[in-house]
Amino acid sequence: MRKLVKAGADQKAKNEEGMNVLHFAAQKNSVKIVDYFLRELHLNDLNKPDGKGKMPFLLASEKGHVDMINNLIALKLFTSEKDKEGNTALHLAARNGHSEVVEILLEQWEEINDLNQNGETPFYLSVKGGHEKCAELLLDAGSDINVLTQNNSSALQVAIQNGHLSLVTFLIDKNIDLVSKPEQKNSPLHLAVISNNLPVVKSLLDANHDINSLNHRQETPLHLAADLGNVELVEVLLKAGCDLKTTDKHGRTALASASRSSHALIVDMIIKAERYHTIKQTYLAHCDNGSDFSLSFKQDHSTQTKQIRSSLWNLAYNHLKPREWKKLAMFWKFTDEQIKAIEEQWTGKKSYKEHGNRMLLIWLHCTLLAHQNPVKHLYEDLVGAGFQPLAEKIRASSSVGMDSRKCSIS
């Protein structure tokens, strides 16, 4: 470098991006070169913005060069000026997760909640990038945890969208606001559902996020999970006790959304949940000790219920005629909406067989939750609904094969 200068090289030359030797030195952490040009040659006018508006100090901060930062501060070249995107050195260091640089800069900083052109603070950018240490430093220094960007995005929302579970937990622990603002399209829980992020959904529910919050389309998180067909998310929301009757701006319940999207498993889960709530008090009264009871609304694949499920399949596919499953459903007080939702999944002229089987399995789920003997009740209800000969056939071909004393569903 010294030889080039002595040979007459242009000391203030720039490249196409407007970067001079000081920019490159700061970016590459070349402290000796900076000292040569500033301390020996006294070329202080090299300290100017490049084509993107970044001063050498900003470039060093962006790259996380601690030695260069300290050297530039000693040379009194610290600056809080912004680049063309409105980012300060603190924005750039936080965005890239350079916690040591952030710590140094905070000792010099006055306006910690500076906004860039997108309305993002250094704290928001640290969360967006998944940099928990930087976020913690900035929050301890007084950053606004609830500030919204120009797009009305919060730090919690961007952490959810980018899948940063540890930061979601960190922000919740720091009491970030879980209530969405009117100008925000979706609540944090909506975004977690959209992202199919089950751990985040559970974390938000554990933090008492409103499970029935509405987005800009008046949809609950259950509406979105049902429309997406995500069984695990629907299961968590149903077990957490979400409202099943809320309608969106089109007047659709979550059940209607699942049915419209042809998610048969979700349809059946929601109907199970609806029927569960109607017998909940009765069930609790009859099951003195629920310690071995694990509530689930998923499809049952347990060996414990295999024999009765086989009998119900035989009933639906080999005995019930078209429209007879609906007669039985109405006897069991399935609602018109529930019957319509089951019927929505149409695969041909023999769809009624599958519809009947699904209805019977939903009935079984409810019967087991009520701690009742399903074979006994099936016989009695077939008789009560006007299917006496069929009831006798089912009784003859079925045996309990299961311990009805257990309050167990899977």
Protein backbone atom coordinates (compact mmCIF):
# COMPACT_ATOMS: atom_id res chain seq x y z
CA MET A 1 0.00 0.00 0.00
CA ARG A 2 2.78 2.42 0.93
CA LYS A 3 4.63 1.61 -2.31
CA LEU A 4 1.51 2.32 -4.36
CA VAL A 5 1.01 5.69 -2.64
CA LYS A 6 4.67 6.61 -3.17
CA ALA A 7 4.34 5.56 -6.82
CA GLY A 8 1.58 8.12 -7.25
CA ALA A 9 -1.55 5.99 -6.91
CA ASP A 10 -4.75 7.99 -6.54
CA GLN A 11 -5.38 7.90 -2.82
CA LYS A 12 -8.99 9.02 -3.22
CA ALA A 13 -9.96 6.66 -6.03
CA LYS A 14 -13.45 5.09 -5.92
CA ASN A 15 -14.95 2.05 -7.55
CA GLU A 16 -18.33 1.93 -9.31
CA GLU A 17 -20.10 1.61 -5.96
CA GLY A 18 -18.52 4.76 -4.63
CA MET A 19 -16.19 2.92 -2.26
CA ASN A 20 -12.74 4.31 -1.51
CA VAL A 21 -9.80 2.74 0.27
CA LEU A 22 -11.16 3.64 3.70
CA HIS A 23 -14.44 1.85 2.97
CA PHE A 24 -12.58 -1.30 1.95
CA ALA A 25 -10.27 -1.14 4.93
CA ALA A 26 -13.18 -0.74 7.35
CA GLN A 27 -15.07 -3.57 5.69
CA LYS A 28 -12.05 -5.90 5.83
CA ASN A 29 -11.02 -4.94 9.38
CA SER A 30 -7.65 -3.60 8.13
CA VAL A 31 -6.82 -1.38 11.10
CA LYS A 32 -3.26 -0.67 9.92
CA ILE A 33 -4.47 0.69 6.58
CA VAL A 34 -6.99 2.96 8.30
CA ASP A 35 -4.26 4.23 10.62
CA TYR A 36 -1.92 4.86 7.68
CA PHE A 37 -4.42 6.94 5.73
CA LEU A 38 -5.88 8.83 8.66
CA ARG A 39 -3.06 9.13 11.20
CA GLU A 40 -0.10 9.44 8.83
CA LEU A 41 -1.55 10.89 5.63
CA HIS A 42 -4.35 12.79 7.40
CA LEU A 43 -6.82 12.03 4.59
CA ASN A 44 -9.87 12.61 6.76
CA ASP A 45 -11.97 13.53 3.72
CA LEU A 46 -12.00 9.81 2.82
CA ASN A 47 -14.49 9.42 5.65
CA LYS A 48 -17.61 9.88 3.56
CA PRO A 49 -20.60 7.77 2.47
CA ASP A 50 -20.23 5.24 -0.33
CA GLY A 51 -22.79 4.81 -3.10
CA LYS A 52 -25.24 3.19 -0.66
CA GLY A 53 -24.84 5.93 1.87
CA LYS A 54 -22.68 3.85 4.21
CA MET A 55 -19.87 5.55 6.05
CA PRO A 56 -16.79 3.41 6.92
CA PHE A 57 -18.10 3.17 10.49
CA LEU A 58 -21.36 1.65 9.23
CA LEU A 59 -19.49 -0.87 7.08
CA ALA A 60 -17.37 -1.98 10.03
CA SER A 61 -20.50 -2.32 12.18
CA GLU A 62 -22.29 -4.29 9.49
CA LYS A 63 -19.41 -6.78 9.33
CA GLY A 64 -19.01 -6.98 13.11
CA HIS A 65 -15.38 -5.86 13.27
CA VAL A 66 -14.83 -5.02 16.93
CA ASP A 67 -11.19 -3.85 16.50
CA MET A 68 -12.14 -1.56 13.65
CA ILE A 69 -15.08 -0.12 15.55
CA ASN A 70 -12.90 0.67 18.56
CA ASN A 71 -10.25 2.19 16.30
CA LEU A 72 -12.72 4.42 14.46
CA ILE A 73 -14.22 5.56 17.76
CA ALA A 74 -10.71 6.44 18.97
CA LEU A 75 -10.24 8.43 15.75
CA LYS A 76 -13.53 10.22 16.53
CA LEU A 77 -15.18 8.74 13.46
CA PHE A 78 -18.15 7.34 15.34
CA THR A 79 -21.34 8.37 13.58
CA SER A 80 -25.08 7.89 14.08
CA GLU A 81 -25.75 8.91 10.47
CA LYS A 82 -27.94 6.63 8.38
CA ASP A 83 -27.41 4.95 5.03
CA LYS A 84 -29.83 5.35 2.12
CA GLU A 85 -32.19 2.78 3.65
CA GLY A 86 -32.31 4.65 6.93
CA ASN A 87 -30.11 2.19 8.82
CA THR A 88 -27.68 3.35 11.48
CA ALA A 89 -24.60 1.39 12.53
CA LEU A 90 -26.71 -0.03 15.35
CA HIS A 91 -29.36 -1.24 12.88
CA LEU A 92 -26.72 -2.98 10.78
CA ALA A 93 -24.92 -4.64 13.69
CA ALA A 94 -28.20 -5.82 15.23
CA ARG A 95 -29.53 -7.13 11.91
CA ASN A 96 -26.44 -9.27 11.46
CA GLY A 97 -26.22 -10.52 15.02
CA HIS A 98 -22.97 -8.84 16.02
CA SER A 99 -23.61 -8.71 19.76
CA GLU A 100 -20.10 -7.47 20.71
CA VAL A 101 -20.45 -4.53 18.34
CA VAL A 102 -23.96 -3.82 19.58
CA GLU A 103 -22.64 -3.74 23.14
CA ILE A 104 -19.95 -1.21 22.14
CA LEU A 105 -22.36 0.94 20.16
CA LEU A 106 -24.88 1.08 22.98
CA GLU A 107 -22.30 2.93 25.06
CA GLN A 108 -22.31 5.68 22.42
CA TRP A 109 -25.98 5.66 21.44
CA GLU A 110 -28.65 8.19 22.34
CA GLU A 111 -31.72 7.32 20.25
CA ILE A 112 -32.04 3.56 20.60
CA ASN A 113 -35.46 3.37 18.91
CA ASP A 114 -34.36 4.97 15.65
CA LEU A 115 -36.48 3.84 12.71
CA ASN A 116 -35.19 2.99 9.27
CA GLN A 117 -37.23 3.58 6.11
CA ASN A 118 -39.30 0.45 6.82
CA GLY A 119 -40.08 1.64 10.33
CA GLU A 120 -37.78 -1.00 11.85
CA THR A 121 -35.80 -0.42 15.03
CA PRO A 122 -32.46 -2.13 15.74
CA PHE A 123 -34.34 -4.33 18.22
CA TYR A 124 -36.89 -5.39 15.60
CA LEU A 125 -34.10 -6.26 13.15
CA SER A 126 -32.28 -8.34 15.76
CA VAL A 127 -35.46 -10.37 16.35
CA LYS A 128 -36.14 -10.64 12.62
CA GLY A 129 -32.68 -12.12 12.11
CA GLY A 130 -33.08 -14.53 15.02
CA HIS A 131 -30.34 -12.92 17.13
CA GLU A 132 -31.44 -13.40 20.73
CA LYS A 133 -28.28 -12.00 22.36
CA CYS A 134 -28.56 -8.74 20.41
CA ALA A 135 -32.26 -8.54 21.19
CA GLU A 136 -31.57 -8.99 24.88
CA LEU A 137 -28.88 -6.28 24.90
CA LEU A 138 -31.12 -3.83 23.07
CA LEU A 139 -34.11 -4.56 25.27
CA ASP A 140 -32.04 -4.10 28.42
CA ALA A 141 -30.88 -0.77 26.99
CA GLY A 142 -34.47 0.44 26.70
CA SER A 143 -35.70 -0.63 23.25
CA ASP A 144 -39.45 -0.54 22.67
CA ILE A 145 -40.55 -4.20 22.61
CA ASN A 146 -43.98 -3.41 21.14
CA VAL A 147 -43.06 -1.00 18.33
CA LEU A 148 -44.73 -1.67 14.98
CA THR A 149 -43.11 -1.29 11.57
CA GLN A 150 -44.65 0.54 8.63
CA ASN A 151 -46.23 -2.78 7.66
CA ASN A 152 -47.71 -3.03 11.17
CA SER A 153 -45.50 -5.97 12.03
CA SER A 154 -44.36 -6.49 15.63
CA ALA A 155 -41.20 -8.19 16.87
CA LEU A 156 -43.30 -11.14 18.07
CA GLN A 157 -44.96 -11.52 14.70
CA VAL A 158 -41.71 -11.52 12.75
CA ALA A 159 -40.18 -14.02 15.19
CA ILE A 160 -43.17 -16.31 14.57
CA GLN A 161 -43.09 -15.89 10.80
CA ASN A 162 -39.38 -16.72 10.71
CA GLY A 163 -39.76 -19.72 13.03
CA HIS A 164 -37.56 -18.42 15.86
CA LEU A 165 -39.10 -20.40 18.74
CA SER A 166 -36.48 -19.39 21.33
CA LEU A 167 -37.08 -15.73 20.52
CA VAL A 168 -40.84 -16.21 20.75
CA THR A 169 -40.32 -17.66 24.23
CA PHE A 170 -37.92 -14.84 25.09
CA LEU A 171 -40.39 -12.17 23.99
CA ILE A 172 -43.27 -13.80 25.86
CA ASP A 173 -41.12 -13.95 28.99
CA LYS A 174 -40.45 -10.22 28.55
CA ASN A 175 -44.21 -9.57 28.56
CA ILE A 176 -44.55 -8.51 24.95
CA ASP A 177 -48.11 -7.55 24.03
CA LEU A 178 -49.98 -10.63 22.79
CA VAL A 179 -53.03 -8.65 21.71
CA SER A 180 -53.02 -7.70 18.04
CA LYS A 181 -53.71 -4.10 17.07
CA PRO A 182 -56.67 -3.14 14.85
CA GLU A 183 -54.31 -2.29 12.01
CA GLN A 184 -52.73 -5.78 12.07
CA LYS A 185 -54.27 -8.38 9.77
CA ASN A 186 -53.45 -11.39 11.94
CA SER A 187 -52.74 -12.00 15.60
CA PRO A 188 -49.55 -13.82 16.65
CA LEU A 189 -51.58 -17.02 17.05
CA HIS A 190 -53.00 -16.70 13.53
CA LEU A 191 -49.47 -16.32 12.16
CA ALA A 192 -48.24 -19.35 14.08
CA VAL A 193 -51.08 -21.40 12.59
CA ILE A 194 -50.39 -20.09 9.08
CA SER A 195 -46.73 -21.06 9.56
CA ASN A 196 -47.76 -24.56 10.69
CA ASN A 197 -45.58 -24.03 13.75
CA LEU A 198 -47.02 -26.27 16.45
CA PRO A 199 -44.42 -25.47 19.17
CA VAL A 200 -45.08 -21.74 18.76
CA VAL A 201 -48.84 -22.31 18.89
CA LYS A 202 -48.42 -24.21 22.15
CA SER A 203 -46.15 -21.50 23.58
CA LEU A 204 -48.68 -18.79 22.78
CA LEU A 205 -51.55 -20.78 24.27
CA ASP A 206 -49.48 -21.45 27.41
CA ALA A 207 -48.99 -17.67 27.63
CA ASN A 208 -52.78 -17.19 27.55
CA HIS A 209 -52.97 -15.76 24.05
CA ASP A 210 -56.64 -15.30 23.13
CA ILE A 211 -57.48 -18.58 21.40
CA ASN A 212 -60.55 -17.02 19.78
CA SER A 213 -58.93 -13.84 18.47
CA LEU A 214 -60.21 -12.69 15.10
CA ASN A 215 -58.15 -11.62 12.10
CA HIS A 216 -59.08 -9.12 9.38
CA ARG A 217 -61.44 -11.69 7.83
CA GLN A 218 -63.10 -12.40 11.18
CA GLU A 219 -61.51 -15.84 11.25
CA THR A 220 -60.36 -17.56 14.43
CA PRO A 221 -57.10 -19.55 14.49
CA LEU A 222 -59.29 -22.68 14.25
CA HIS A 223 -60.75 -21.41 10.97
CA LEU A 224 -57.25 -21.19 9.52
CA ALA A 225 -56.07 -24.54 10.89
CA ALA A 226 -59.23 -26.22 9.57
CA ASP A 227 -58.85 -24.64 6.15
CA LEU A 228 -55.19 -25.72 6.01
CA GLY A 229 -56.13 -29.27 7.00
CA ASN A 230 -53.51 -29.43 9.75
CA VAL A 231 -54.66 -32.23 12.07
CA GLU A 232 -52.10 -31.53 14.81
CA LEU A 233 -52.93 -27.82 15.02
CA VAL A 234 -56.66 -28.51 15.03
CA GLU A 235 -56.16 -31.07 17.79
CA VAL A 236 -54.29 -28.59 19.99
CA LEU A 237 -56.86 -25.85 19.46
CA LEU A 238 -59.80 -28.17 20.10
CA LYS A 239 -58.26 -29.56 23.28
CA ALA A 240 -57.55 -26.01 24.46
CA GLY A 241 -61.26 -25.26 24.30
CA CYS A 242 -61.61 -22.91 21.33
CA ASP A 243 -65.00 -21.53 20.34
CA LEU A 244 -66.55 -23.74 17.67
CA LYS A 245 -69.47 -21.49 16.79
CA THR A 246 -67.70 -18.28 15.71
CA THR A 247 -68.39 -17.38 12.09
CA ASP A 248 -66.11 -15.51 9.71
CA LYS A 249 -67.18 -12.55 7.57
CA HIS A 250 -68.83 -14.98 5.14
CA GLY A 251 -70.87 -16.55 7.93
CA ARG A 252 -68.86 -19.81 7.95
CA THR A 253 -67.89 -21.73 11.06
CA ALA A 254 -64.59 -23.60 11.26
CA LEU A 255 -66.57 -26.78 10.54
CA ALA A 256 -67.90 -25.24 7.34
CA SER A 257 -64.38 -24.15 6.35
CA ALA A 258 -63.02 -27.67 6.82
CA SER A 259 -65.94 -29.15 4.91
CA ARG A 260 -65.57 -26.66 2.07
CA SER A 261 -61.86 -27.55 1.80
CA SER A 262 -62.67 -31.29 1.75
CA HIS A 263 -60.69 -32.04 4.91
CA ALA A 264 -62.75 -35.00 6.11
CA LEU A 265 -60.51 -35.78 9.08
CA ILE A 266 -60.81 -32.21 10.33
CA VAL A 267 -64.57 -32.21 9.80
CA ASP A 268 -64.90 -35.32 11.95
CA MET A 269 -62.61 -33.89 14.64
CA ILE A 270 -64.65 -30.71 14.96
CA ILE A 271 -67.93 -32.62 15.11
CA LYS A 272 -66.43 -34.84 17.83
CA ALA A 273 -65.48 -31.71 19.76
CA GLU A 274 -68.93 -30.21 19.35
CA ARG A 275 -70.58 -33.38 20.62
CA TYR A 276 -68.01 -33.72 23.39
CA HIS A 277 -69.03 -30.35 24.80
CA THR A 278 -72.68 -31.42 24.89
CA ILE A 279 -71.92 -34.43 27.10
CA LYS A 280 -69.01 -32.96 29.05
CA GLN A 281 -70.83 -32.43 32.31
CA THR A 282 -72.48 -35.85 32.16
CA TYR A 283 -69.16 -37.49 31.42
CA LEU A 284 -67.46 -35.79 34.35
CA ALA A 285 -70.25 -36.90 36.65
CA HIS A 286 -69.85 -40.55 35.63
CA CYS A 287 -66.08 -40.73 35.59
CA ASP A 288 -64.92 -40.28 39.17
CA ASN A 289 -61.25 -40.66 38.37
CA GLY A 290 -60.10 -39.34 35.00
CA SER A 291 -56.42 -39.91 35.60
CA ASP A 292 -56.24 -42.52 32.81
CA PHE A 293 -58.28 -40.40 30.40
CA SER A 294 -56.46 -38.78 27.53
CA LEU A 295 -58.75 -36.61 25.43
CA SER A 296 -58.18 -36.69 21.72
CA PHE A 297 -60.29 -35.84 18.69
CA LYS A 298 -58.06 -37.57 16.14
CA GLN A 299 -58.95 -40.64 14.15
CA ASP A 300 -58.99 -43.71 16.42
CA HIS A 301 -56.43 -46.40 15.56
CA SER A 302 -56.24 -48.06 18.98
CA THR A 303 -56.27 -51.82 19.40
CA GLN A 304 -58.71 -51.40 22.27
CA THR A 305 -61.53 -50.29 19.96
CA LYS A 306 -60.57 -52.34 16.92
CA GLN A 307 -63.41 -54.87 17.23
CA ILE A 308 -66.21 -52.36 17.73
CA ARG A 309 -64.84 -50.20 14.92
CA SER A 310 -64.89 -53.25 12.65
CA SER A 311 -68.53 -53.87 13.57
CA LEU A 312 -69.42 -50.26 12.81
CA TRP A 313 -67.65 -50.48 9.44
CA ASN A 314 -69.66 -53.61 8.66
CA LEU A 315 -72.87 -51.81 9.65
CA ALA A 316 -72.13 -48.82 7.43
CA TYR A 317 -70.84 -50.66 4.37
CA ASN A 318 -73.00 -53.79 4.35
CA HIS A 319 -76.26 -52.98 6.10
CA LEU A 320 -77.24 -49.31 6.08
CA LYS A 321 -79.05 -48.22 2.94
CA PRO A 322 -78.80 -44.74 1.38
CA ARG A 323 -80.20 -42.05 3.72
CA GLU A 324 -80.48 -44.52 6.63
CA TRP A 325 -77.23 -43.25 8.14
CA LYS A 326 -78.79 -39.79 8.28
CA LYS A 327 -81.87 -41.18 10.02
CA LEU A 328 -79.59 -42.69 12.65
CA ALA A 329 -77.55 -39.48 12.87
CA MET A 330 -80.68 -37.45 13.57
CA PHE A 331 -81.73 -39.98 16.23
CA TRP A 332 -78.35 -39.32 17.87
CA LYS A 333 -78.96 -35.57 17.57
CA PHE A 334 -76.33 -34.75 14.99
CA THR A 335 -77.11 -31.22 13.83
CA ASP A 336 -78.06 -30.33 10.27
CA GLU A 337 -74.71 -28.55 9.86
CA GLN A 338 -72.81 -31.63 11.07
CA ILE A 339 -74.68 -33.94 8.70
CA LYS A 340 -74.16 -31.52 5.82
CA ALA A 341 -70.44 -31.29 6.62
CA ILE A 342 -70.05 -35.08 6.57
CA GLU A 343 -72.03 -35.30 3.35
CA GLU A 344 -69.92 -32.63 1.64
CA GLN A 345 -67.14 -35.11 0.85
CA TRP A 346 -68.69 -36.80 -2.17
CA THR A 347 -66.82 -39.53 -4.04
CA GLY A 348 -69.65 -41.18 -5.96
CA LYS A 349 -72.96 -42.98 -5.62
CA LYS A 350 -71.67 -45.13 -2.77
CA SER A 351 -70.37 -42.22 -0.73
CA TYR A 352 -73.18 -42.80 1.75
CA LYS A 353 -71.30 -45.87 3.01
CA GLU A 354 -68.27 -43.78 3.97
CA HIS A 355 -70.54 -41.06 5.36
CA GLY A 356 -72.27 -43.62 7.54
CA ASN A 357 -69.01 -45.08 8.79
CA ARG A 358 -67.67 -41.65 9.72
CA MET A 359 -70.87 -40.78 11.53
CA LEU A 360 -70.76 -44.04 13.47
CA LEU A 361 -67.13 -43.47 14.52
CA ILE A 362 -68.02 -39.98 15.72
CA TRP A 363 -70.87 -41.50 17.72
CA LEU A 364 -68.45 -44.07 19.15
CA HIS A 365 -66.07 -41.32 20.26
CA CYS A 366 -68.85 -39.58 22.14
CA THR A 367 -70.12 -42.83 23.66
CA LEU A 368 -66.69 -43.72 25.00
CA LEU A 369 -66.24 -40.25 26.43
CA ALA A 370 -69.56 -40.72 28.24
CA HIS A 371 -68.07 -43.92 29.71
CA GLN A 372 -70.81 -46.07 28.20
CA ASN A 373 -70.79 -49.57 26.71
CA PRO A 374 -70.94 -48.90 22.95
CA VAL A 375 -72.28 -52.35 21.92
CA LYS A 376 -75.14 -52.16 24.41
CA HIS A 377 -76.04 -48.61 23.38
CA LEU A 378 -75.74 -49.39 19.68
CA TYR A 379 -78.25 -52.23 20.02
CA GLU A 380 -80.67 -50.14 22.07
CA ASP A 381 -80.38 -47.12 19.77
CA LEU A 382 -80.86 -49.18 16.60
CA VAL A 383 -84.05 -50.53 18.13
CA GLY A 384 -85.10 -47.04 19.20
CA ALA A 385 -84.44 -45.62 15.73
CA GLY A 386 -86.58 -48.32 14.07
CA PHE A 387 -83.86 -50.77 12.98
CA GLN A 388 -84.94 -53.79 15.07
CA PRO A 389 -83.83 -56.58 12.63
CA LEU A 390 -80.53 -54.84 12.08
CA ALA A 391 -80.03 -54.47 15.82
CA GLU A 392 -80.42 -58.23 16.26
CA LYS A 393 -77.86 -58.91 13.51
CA ILE A 394 -75.35 -56.55 15.07
CA ARG A 395 -75.83 -58.03 18.53
CA ALA A 396 -75.35 -61.53 17.21
CA SER A 397 -72.11 -60.68 15.40
CA SER A 398 -70.59 -58.40 18.04
CA SER A 399 -69.06 -58.83 21.43
CA VAL A 400 -67.83 -56.10 23.65
CA GLY A 401 -64.16 -57.04 23.40
CA MET A 402 -63.20 -53.94 25.33
CA ASP A 403 -63.14 -52.77 28.93
CA SER A 404 -65.94 -50.23 29.10
CA ARG A 405 -64.89 -49.23 32.57
CA LYS A 406 -62.03 -47.19 31.19
CA CYS A 407 -62.50 -43.58 30.17
CA SER A 408 -60.08 -43.90 27.29
CA ILE A 409 -60.09 -42.45 23.79
CA SER A 410 -57.35 -42.16 21.19
